[in-house]
Amino acid sequence: MQTLKAIWDFFQNQILGMKWLNELIGSGLQALGFDTLNRWIGSLQFFLYDVIKITILLCFLIFLISYIQSYFPPERSKKILSRFHGIGANIVAALLGTVTPFCSCSSIPLFIGFTSAGLPLGVTFSFLISSPMVDLGSLVLLMSIFGAKVAVVYVLVGLMIAVLGGTLIEKLKMEKHVEKFILAAGSVDIESPDLTRKDRLVYAKEQMQSTFKKVFPYILIGVGIGAVIHNWIPEEWVATALGSKNPFGVILATLIGVPMYADIFGTIPIAEALYAKGAQLGVILSFMMAVTTLSLPSMIMLRKAIKPKLLAVFIAICAIGIIIVGYLFNAIQTLII
C-alpha cells in the first residue's frame, strides 16, 4: 500500500504537478545570480513555471480530447442523444459535454445546433452546462493541484448540476422562450464520413493548434494574476475576504467570476495562488465554475438564441448550483484534502 501511495504521489507531484520544473526554474534563476526570495523574482519564477506547465498539459489534453471528440461529431452526438429519454437523456448529454472544447463560447454553437435539430430543450441545456464546467482537462488539472479526491468530486458535482439544471428547465416548459429562428432552422441529417486513424490524428493536431492560439492569451493573463496574488497580496487579505471567517466568501467569488472570461486553463493559476494564500476550497471552485460557465461574453452569445426569461432561469440555476457546491466543498474540505 505504501508503494502504491508513493507511486501515486510521484505521479501527482512530478508528472501532473511538474514540481521538478519549478525547482529547475528556481535553480536556473539562482545560477543567473537572482534571489528567488525577492518578490519580483518570485513572481517571475511562478509565471515561468505555470505558463510552461499549463502549456504542456494544455497541448497534451487538447490533442487527446480532440482525438476522442473526432468520434462524436454533431450528427453522431445528436443521434446518440435522440435514443434516450427523460433524465437518462440529460445524463448522456452531460457526459457528452465532457468531450467538447473548453470554453462556454465554443459550446454555444453546438447547443444551438442540437436545439435546432429538435432535441429536448432540457437535454441541450444539460450539455451546455457540463461542456465548459466539466471536461477531461479540468479533471487532470485539478488533480495536479488539489489531488484526485477533489478532482473527482468536482467533476461528479458538476455533472449533477448539469443533469439537474437541464431537468428543471425541461420541467418548466421553456420552449417558447427560444428564439424562433433557432426552432425554425432545422438541421441537415448527414452521416459524417468515416475517418482513418491518420485523419483523426491530423484533426486532433489542428484542433490543438487552433485552441492553443485562442486560449494562450488567457493563460498569460491568468498566470499573471496568479503571480500577483501569490507574491504581492498579503495572506491575511485573502483569508479575510475568502477564508473561513467570511460566510459570504462563496457568493463573493461567484459574483466576481461571472463578468470574467476564461477557460479552465486560465482559472487554474488563479485558483492555485488563492489556495496557497488560504482561500477556502469551496470559494475557489465556485470562482472557477462561475468563470467557465457564466462568463459575460458567453451569456451575450446565448442571448442571441434564447429570450431573456430563459436566460435568467439558466443563470439562476447555474449560480444557485455553484453557490451550493461552494458551501458543500467548504463543509467537506477537511475530509477530501
Protein backbone atom coordinates (compact mmCIF):
# COMPACT_ATOMS: atom_id res chain seq x y z
CA MET A 1 0.00 0.00 0.00
CA GLN A 2 2.82 2.37 0.84
CA THR A 3 4.42 1.62 -2.50
CA LEU A 4 1.20 2.45 -4.37
CA LYS A 5 0.87 5.69 -2.41
CA ALA A 6 4.47 6.62 -3.23
CA ILE A 7 3.87 5.93 -6.94
CA TRP A 8 0.68 8.00 -6.92
CA ASP A 9 2.35 10.89 -5.06
CA PHE A 10 5.16 10.86 -7.62
CA PHE A 11 2.65 10.87 -10.48
CA GLN A 12 0.61 13.70 -8.97
CA ASN A 13 3.54 15.89 -7.89
CA GLN A 14 6.15 15.24 -10.57
CA ILE A 15 4.15 14.22 -13.65
CA LEU A 16 0.97 16.29 -13.31
CA GLY A 17 2.23 18.97 -10.92
CA MET A 18 5.72 19.14 -12.51
CA LYS A 19 7.36 20.17 -9.24
CA TRP A 20 10.70 19.33 -10.83
CA LEU A 21 10.08 22.11 -13.35
CA ASN A 22 9.57 24.69 -10.59
CA GLU A 23 12.79 23.57 -8.91
CA LEU A 24 14.63 23.66 -12.24
CA ILE A 25 13.48 27.21 -12.98
CA GLY A 26 14.39 28.29 -9.44
CA SER A 27 17.86 26.77 -9.76
CA GLY A 28 18.28 28.44 -13.15
CA LEU A 29 17.38 31.85 -11.78
CA GLN A 30 19.76 31.38 -8.85
CA ALA A 31 22.53 30.33 -11.22
CA LEU A 32 21.99 33.60 -13.07
CA GLY A 33 22.51 35.49 -9.81
CA PHE A 34 18.87 36.22 -8.96
CA ASP A 35 17.46 35.95 -5.45
CA THR A 36 14.31 33.81 -5.65
CA LEU A 37 13.18 35.16 -2.26
CA ASN A 38 12.79 38.57 -3.86
CA ARG A 39 9.14 39.30 -4.69
CA TRP A 40 9.83 40.28 -8.28
CA ILE A 41 11.97 37.20 -8.91
CA GLY A 42 9.46 35.01 -7.08
CA SER A 43 6.72 36.35 -9.33
CA LEU A 44 8.87 35.66 -12.39
CA GLN A 45 9.51 32.07 -11.21
CA PHE A 46 5.78 31.50 -10.61
CA PHE A 47 4.95 32.97 -14.03
CA LEU A 48 7.50 30.90 -15.97
CA TYR A 49 6.66 27.69 -14.12
CA ASP A 50 2.89 27.94 -14.53
CA VAL A 51 2.98 29.09 -18.16
CA ILE A 52 5.26 26.21 -19.18
CA LYS A 53 3.39 23.63 -17.07
CA ILE A 54 -0.06 24.66 -18.26
CA THR A 55 1.11 24.88 -21.88
CA ILE A 56 2.43 21.32 -21.79
CA LEU A 57 -0.74 19.99 -20.15
CA LEU A 58 -2.89 22.10 -22.45
CA CYS A 59 -1.38 20.78 -25.66
CA PHE A 60 -1.44 17.17 -24.48
CA LEU A 61 -5.02 17.32 -23.20
CA ILE A 62 -6.45 19.19 -26.19
CA PHE A 63 -4.82 16.67 -28.53
CA LEU A 64 -6.23 13.75 -26.53
CA ILE A 65 -9.71 15.25 -26.11
CA SER A 66 -9.86 16.30 -29.78
CA TYR A 67 -8.98 12.76 -30.83
CA ILE A 68 -11.82 11.44 -28.66
CA GLN A 69 -14.10 14.20 -29.93
CA SER A 70 -13.49 13.07 -33.53
CA TYR A 71 -15.72 10.09 -32.71
CA PHE A 72 -18.55 12.43 -31.62
CA PRO A 73 -19.31 14.93 -34.41
CA PRO A 74 -22.60 16.86 -34.05
CA GLU A 75 -24.52 14.41 -36.25
CA ARG A 76 -23.45 11.40 -34.22
CA SER A 77 -23.96 13.21 -30.91
CA LYS A 78 -27.47 14.16 -31.99
CA LYS A 79 -28.28 10.56 -32.88
CA ILE A 80 -26.91 9.31 -29.56
CA LEU A 81 -28.96 11.84 -27.61
CA SER A 82 -32.13 11.11 -29.58
CA ARG A 83 -32.06 7.48 -28.41
CA PHE A 84 -32.51 8.45 -24.76
CA HIS A 85 -35.47 9.96 -22.96
CA GLY A 86 -36.15 11.58 -19.62
CA ILE A 87 -33.34 12.03 -17.12
CA GLY A 88 -31.29 9.39 -18.96
CA ALA A 89 -31.01 11.79 -21.90
CA ASN A 90 -29.83 14.56 -19.56
CA ILE A 91 -27.16 12.27 -18.12
CA VAL A 92 -25.91 11.30 -21.58
CA ALA A 93 -25.90 14.96 -22.69
CA ALA A 94 -23.89 15.97 -19.61
CA LEU A 95 -21.38 13.17 -20.29
CA LEU A 96 -21.07 14.22 -23.94
CA GLY A 97 -20.28 17.71 -22.71
CA THR A 98 -17.10 16.41 -21.14
CA VAL A 99 -15.51 15.75 -24.56
CA THR A 100 -16.21 19.16 -26.08
CA PRO A 101 -13.96 22.26 -26.22
CA PHE A 102 -13.02 24.05 -23.05
CA CYS A 103 -14.89 27.37 -23.04
CA SER A 104 -18.60 28.14 -22.94
CA CYS A 105 -18.46 30.23 -26.12
CA SER A 106 -17.25 27.16 -28.03
CA SER A 107 -20.18 25.10 -26.75
CA ILE A 108 -22.96 27.53 -27.62
CA PRO A 109 -22.89 26.83 -31.41
CA LEU A 110 -23.31 23.10 -30.67
CA PHE A 111 -26.13 23.91 -28.25
CA ILE A 112 -27.87 25.92 -30.98
CA GLY A 113 -27.37 23.07 -33.47
CA PHE A 114 -28.81 20.49 -31.09
CA THR A 115 -31.80 22.72 -30.29
CA SER A 116 -32.42 23.39 -33.99
CA ALA A 117 -32.34 19.65 -34.61
CA GLY A 118 -35.33 19.23 -32.33
CA LEU A 119 -33.65 17.68 -29.27
CA PRO A 120 -35.47 18.40 -25.97
CA LEU A 121 -34.50 21.79 -24.54
CA GLY A 122 -33.58 20.38 -21.14
CA VAL A 123 -31.21 17.88 -22.75
CA THR A 124 -29.41 20.58 -24.73
CA PHE A 125 -29.05 22.69 -21.57
CA SER A 126 -27.51 19.75 -19.69
CA PHE A 127 -24.93 19.66 -22.47
CA LEU A 128 -24.44 23.44 -22.35
CA ILE A 129 -23.83 23.44 -18.58
CA SER A 130 -21.46 20.47 -18.45
CA SER A 131 -19.39 21.36 -21.51
CA PRO A 132 -17.44 24.32 -20.06
CA MET A 133 -17.77 23.36 -16.39
CA VAL A 134 -16.64 19.73 -16.54
CA ASP A 135 -14.20 18.21 -19.02
CA LEU A 136 -11.31 15.79 -19.05
CA GLY A 137 -8.91 18.73 -18.90
CA SER A 138 -10.40 20.03 -15.65
CA LEU A 139 -10.11 16.57 -14.10
CA VAL A 140 -6.39 16.28 -14.86
CA LEU A 141 -5.54 19.86 -13.95
CA LEU A 142 -7.43 19.74 -10.66
CA MET A 143 -5.66 16.50 -9.82
CA SER A 144 -2.32 18.22 -10.38
CA ILE A 145 -3.10 20.87 -7.74
CA PHE A 146 -5.73 19.60 -5.31
CA GLY A 147 -5.42 15.84 -5.64
CA ALA A 148 -7.60 13.06 -7.02
CA LYS A 149 -10.40 13.27 -4.42
CA VAL A 150 -11.10 16.94 -5.07
CA ALA A 151 -10.93 16.47 -8.85
CA VAL A 152 -13.32 13.52 -8.88
CA VAL A 153 -15.83 15.18 -6.51
CA TYR A 154 -15.67 18.39 -8.59
CA VAL A 155 -16.47 16.51 -11.80
CA LEU A 156 -19.28 14.48 -10.23
CA VAL A 157 -20.88 17.56 -8.68
CA GLY A 158 -20.52 19.48 -11.94
CA LEU A 159 -22.30 16.69 -13.79
CA MET A 160 -25.06 16.73 -11.16
CA ILE A 161 -25.59 20.47 -11.70
CA ALA A 162 -25.79 19.86 -15.46
CA VAL A 163 -28.28 17.00 -15.14
CA LEU A 164 -30.49 18.67 -12.52
CA GLY A 165 -30.34 22.05 -14.28
CA GLY A 166 -31.37 20.59 -17.62
CA THR A 167 -34.10 18.51 -15.99
CA LEU A 168 -35.53 21.56 -14.22
CA ILE A 169 -35.57 23.59 -17.44
CA GLU A 170 -37.36 20.70 -19.13
CA LYS A 171 -40.00 20.62 -16.37
CA LEU A 172 -40.57 24.38 -16.66
CA LYS A 173 -41.59 24.00 -20.35
CA MET A 174 -39.45 26.92 -21.57
CA GLU A 175 -39.51 26.06 -25.29
CA LYS A 176 -41.47 29.21 -26.14
CA HIS A 177 -38.58 31.29 -24.85
CA VAL A 178 -36.21 30.03 -27.55
CA GLU A 179 -35.81 32.48 -30.43
CA LYS A 180 -37.98 31.49 -33.40
CA PHE A 181 -35.13 31.41 -35.91
CA ILE A 182 -33.46 28.67 -33.84
CA LEU A 183 -36.54 26.46 -33.78
CA ALA A 184 -37.18 27.04 -37.49
CA ALA A 185 -33.60 26.36 -38.56
CA GLY A 186 -33.83 22.57 -38.68
CA SER A 187 -30.74 20.56 -39.49
CA VAL A 188 -29.27 18.51 -42.26
CA ASP A 189 -29.10 14.92 -41.06
CA ILE A 190 -25.99 13.65 -42.76
CA GLU A 191 -23.56 10.97 -41.75
CA SER A 192 -20.03 12.10 -41.01
CA PRO A 193 -17.53 10.38 -43.29
CA ASP A 194 -15.53 7.58 -41.71
CA LEU A 195 -12.16 8.87 -40.61
CA THR A 196 -8.96 6.86 -40.60
CA ARG A 197 -6.66 6.92 -37.61
CA LYS A 198 -4.36 9.25 -39.54
CA ASP A 199 -7.30 11.60 -40.25
CA ARG A 200 -8.17 11.67 -36.56
CA LEU A 201 -4.57 12.41 -35.58
CA VAL A 202 -4.42 15.25 -38.12
CA TYR A 203 -7.75 16.59 -36.81
CA ALA A 204 -6.50 16.41 -33.22
CA LYS A 205 -3.30 18.26 -34.15
CA GLU A 206 -5.23 21.00 -35.95
CA GLN A 207 -7.65 21.37 -33.03
CA MET A 208 -4.74 21.56 -30.59
CA GLN A 209 -3.05 24.32 -32.58
CA SER A 210 -6.27 26.26 -33.08
CA THR A 211 -7.41 26.03 -29.47
CA PHE A 212 -3.94 26.84 -28.14
CA LYS A 213 -3.85 30.07 -30.15
CA LYS A 214 -7.27 31.06 -28.78
CA VAL A 215 -6.65 30.31 -25.11
CA PHE A 216 -2.96 31.15 -24.70
CA PRO A 217 -3.60 34.89 -24.12
CA TYR A 218 -5.97 33.97 -21.30
CA ILE A 219 -3.36 31.65 -19.83
CA LEU A 220 -0.88 34.55 -19.74
CA ILE A 221 -3.49 36.79 -18.09
CA GLY A 222 -4.49 34.11 -15.59
CA VAL A 223 -0.91 33.27 -14.67
CA GLY A 224 -0.09 36.98 -14.38
CA ILE A 225 -2.96 37.48 -11.93
CA GLY A 226 -1.89 34.34 -10.07
CA ALA A 227 1.70 35.62 -9.79
CA VAL A 228 0.47 38.90 -8.30
CA ILE A 229 -1.75 37.09 -5.80
CA HIS A 230 1.00 34.59 -4.95
CA ASN A 231 3.76 37.11 -4.25
CA TRP A 232 2.21 40.52 -3.62
CA ILE A 233 -1.18 40.18 -1.91
CA PRO A 234 -0.85 39.52 1.85
CA GLU A 235 -2.27 36.24 3.09
CA GLU A 236 -4.40 37.99 5.68
CA TRP A 237 -6.24 39.89 2.93
CA VAL A 238 -7.16 36.71 1.11
CA ALA A 239 -8.03 34.93 4.36
CA THR A 240 -10.30 37.81 5.40
CA ALA A 241 -12.13 38.05 2.06
CA LEU A 242 -12.24 34.39 1.04
CA GLY A 243 -11.34 32.42 4.16
CA SER A 244 -13.48 30.56 6.65
CA LYS A 245 -14.27 33.70 8.67
CA ASN A 246 -16.26 35.20 5.80
CA PRO A 247 -19.56 33.32 5.42
CA PHE A 248 -20.24 35.14 2.15
CA GLY A 249 -16.94 34.16 0.50
CA VAL A 250 -18.60 31.66 -1.87
CA ILE A 251 -21.19 34.20 -3.02
CA LEU A 252 -18.50 36.87 -3.46
CA ALA A 253 -16.30 34.53 -5.52
CA THR A 254 -19.26 33.55 -7.74
CA LEU A 255 -20.19 37.19 -8.38
CA ILE A 256 -16.56 38.10 -9.15
CA GLY A 257 -16.26 35.19 -11.58
CA VAL A 258 -19.35 35.97 -13.70
CA PRO A 259 -18.04 39.07 -15.56
CA MET A 260 -14.74 37.39 -16.37
CA TYR A 261 -13.98 35.31 -19.46
CA ALA A 262 -11.54 32.42 -19.36
CA ASP A 263 -11.46 28.67 -19.59
CA ILE A 264 -10.29 26.10 -17.09
CA PHE A 265 -6.65 26.70 -18.05
CA GLY A 266 -6.90 30.43 -17.37
CA THR A 267 -8.53 29.96 -13.97
CA ILE A 268 -6.21 27.22 -12.65
CA PRO A 269 -3.23 29.52 -11.84
CA ILE A 270 -5.54 31.99 -10.07
CA ALA A 271 -7.08 29.14 -8.08
CA GLU A 272 -3.63 27.78 -7.24
CA ALA A 273 -2.47 31.16 -5.92
CA LEU A 274 -5.65 31.76 -3.91
CA TYR A 275 -5.40 28.30 -2.36
CA ALA A 276 -1.79 28.91 -1.35
CA LYS A 277 -2.90 32.14 0.35
CA GLY A 278 -5.55 30.42 2.46
CA ALA A 279 -8.76 30.77 0.46
CA GLN A 280 -11.30 28.03 1.15
CA LEU A 281 -11.61 25.24 -1.39
CA GLY A 282 -15.32 25.83 -1.98
CA VAL A 283 -14.68 29.51 -2.66
CA ILE A 284 -12.01 28.68 -5.23
CA LEU A 285 -14.09 26.08 -7.05
CA SER A 286 -17.14 28.39 -7.08
CA PHE A 287 -15.00 31.05 -8.72
CA MET A 288 -13.75 28.60 -11.33
CA MET A 289 -17.26 27.31 -12.10
CA ALA A 290 -18.67 30.85 -12.41
CA VAL A 291 -15.92 31.97 -14.78
CA THR A 292 -16.17 28.94 -17.06
CA THR A 293 -19.98 28.59 -17.08
CA LEU A 294 -21.44 32.09 -16.70
CA SER A 295 -18.90 34.37 -18.37
CA LEU A 296 -20.38 37.59 -19.71
CA PRO A 297 -19.30 37.04 -23.36
CA SER A 298 -20.95 33.61 -23.46
CA MET A 299 -24.15 34.99 -21.92
CA ILE A 300 -24.25 37.67 -24.65
CA MET A 301 -23.87 34.95 -27.29
CA LEU A 302 -26.53 32.80 -25.64
CA ARG A 303 -28.95 35.75 -25.56
CA LYS A 304 -28.97 35.68 -29.37
CA ALA A 305 -30.51 32.20 -29.22
CA ILE A 306 -32.86 32.42 -26.24
CA LYS A 307 -35.14 35.06 -24.76
CA PRO A 308 -34.38 36.99 -21.53
CA LYS A 309 -36.65 34.89 -19.30
CA LEU A 310 -35.00 31.60 -20.26
CA LEU A 311 -31.56 33.21 -20.00
CA ALA A 312 -32.42 34.44 -16.49
CA VAL A 313 -33.61 30.96 -15.48
CA PHE A 314 -30.40 29.42 -16.84
CA ILE A 315 -28.20 31.91 -14.97
CA ALA A 316 -30.18 31.47 -11.75
CA ILE A 317 -29.99 27.67 -11.88
CA CYS A 318 -26.23 27.69 -12.54
CA ALA A 319 -25.49 30.40 -9.95
CA ILE A 320 -27.53 28.71 -7.21
CA GLY A 321 -25.97 25.34 -8.05
CA ILE A 322 -22.46 26.80 -7.99
CA ILE A 323 -23.07 28.51 -4.63
CA ILE A 324 -24.45 25.30 -3.11
CA VAL A 325 -21.43 23.39 -4.40
CA GLY A 326 -19.11 26.01 -2.92
CA TYR A 327 -20.58 25.71 0.56
CA LEU A 328 -20.62 21.91 0.23
CA PHE A 329 -16.91 21.85 -0.57
CA ASN A 330 -16.18 24.21 2.34
CA ALA A 331 -18.02 21.81 4.65
CA ILE A 332 -16.17 18.70 3.49
CA GLN A 333 -12.78 20.30 2.75
CA THR A 334 -11.02 18.58 5.64
CA LEU A 335 -12.37 15.19 4.53
CA ILE A 336 -11.16 15.29 0.91
CA ILE A 337 -7.79 17.01 1.27
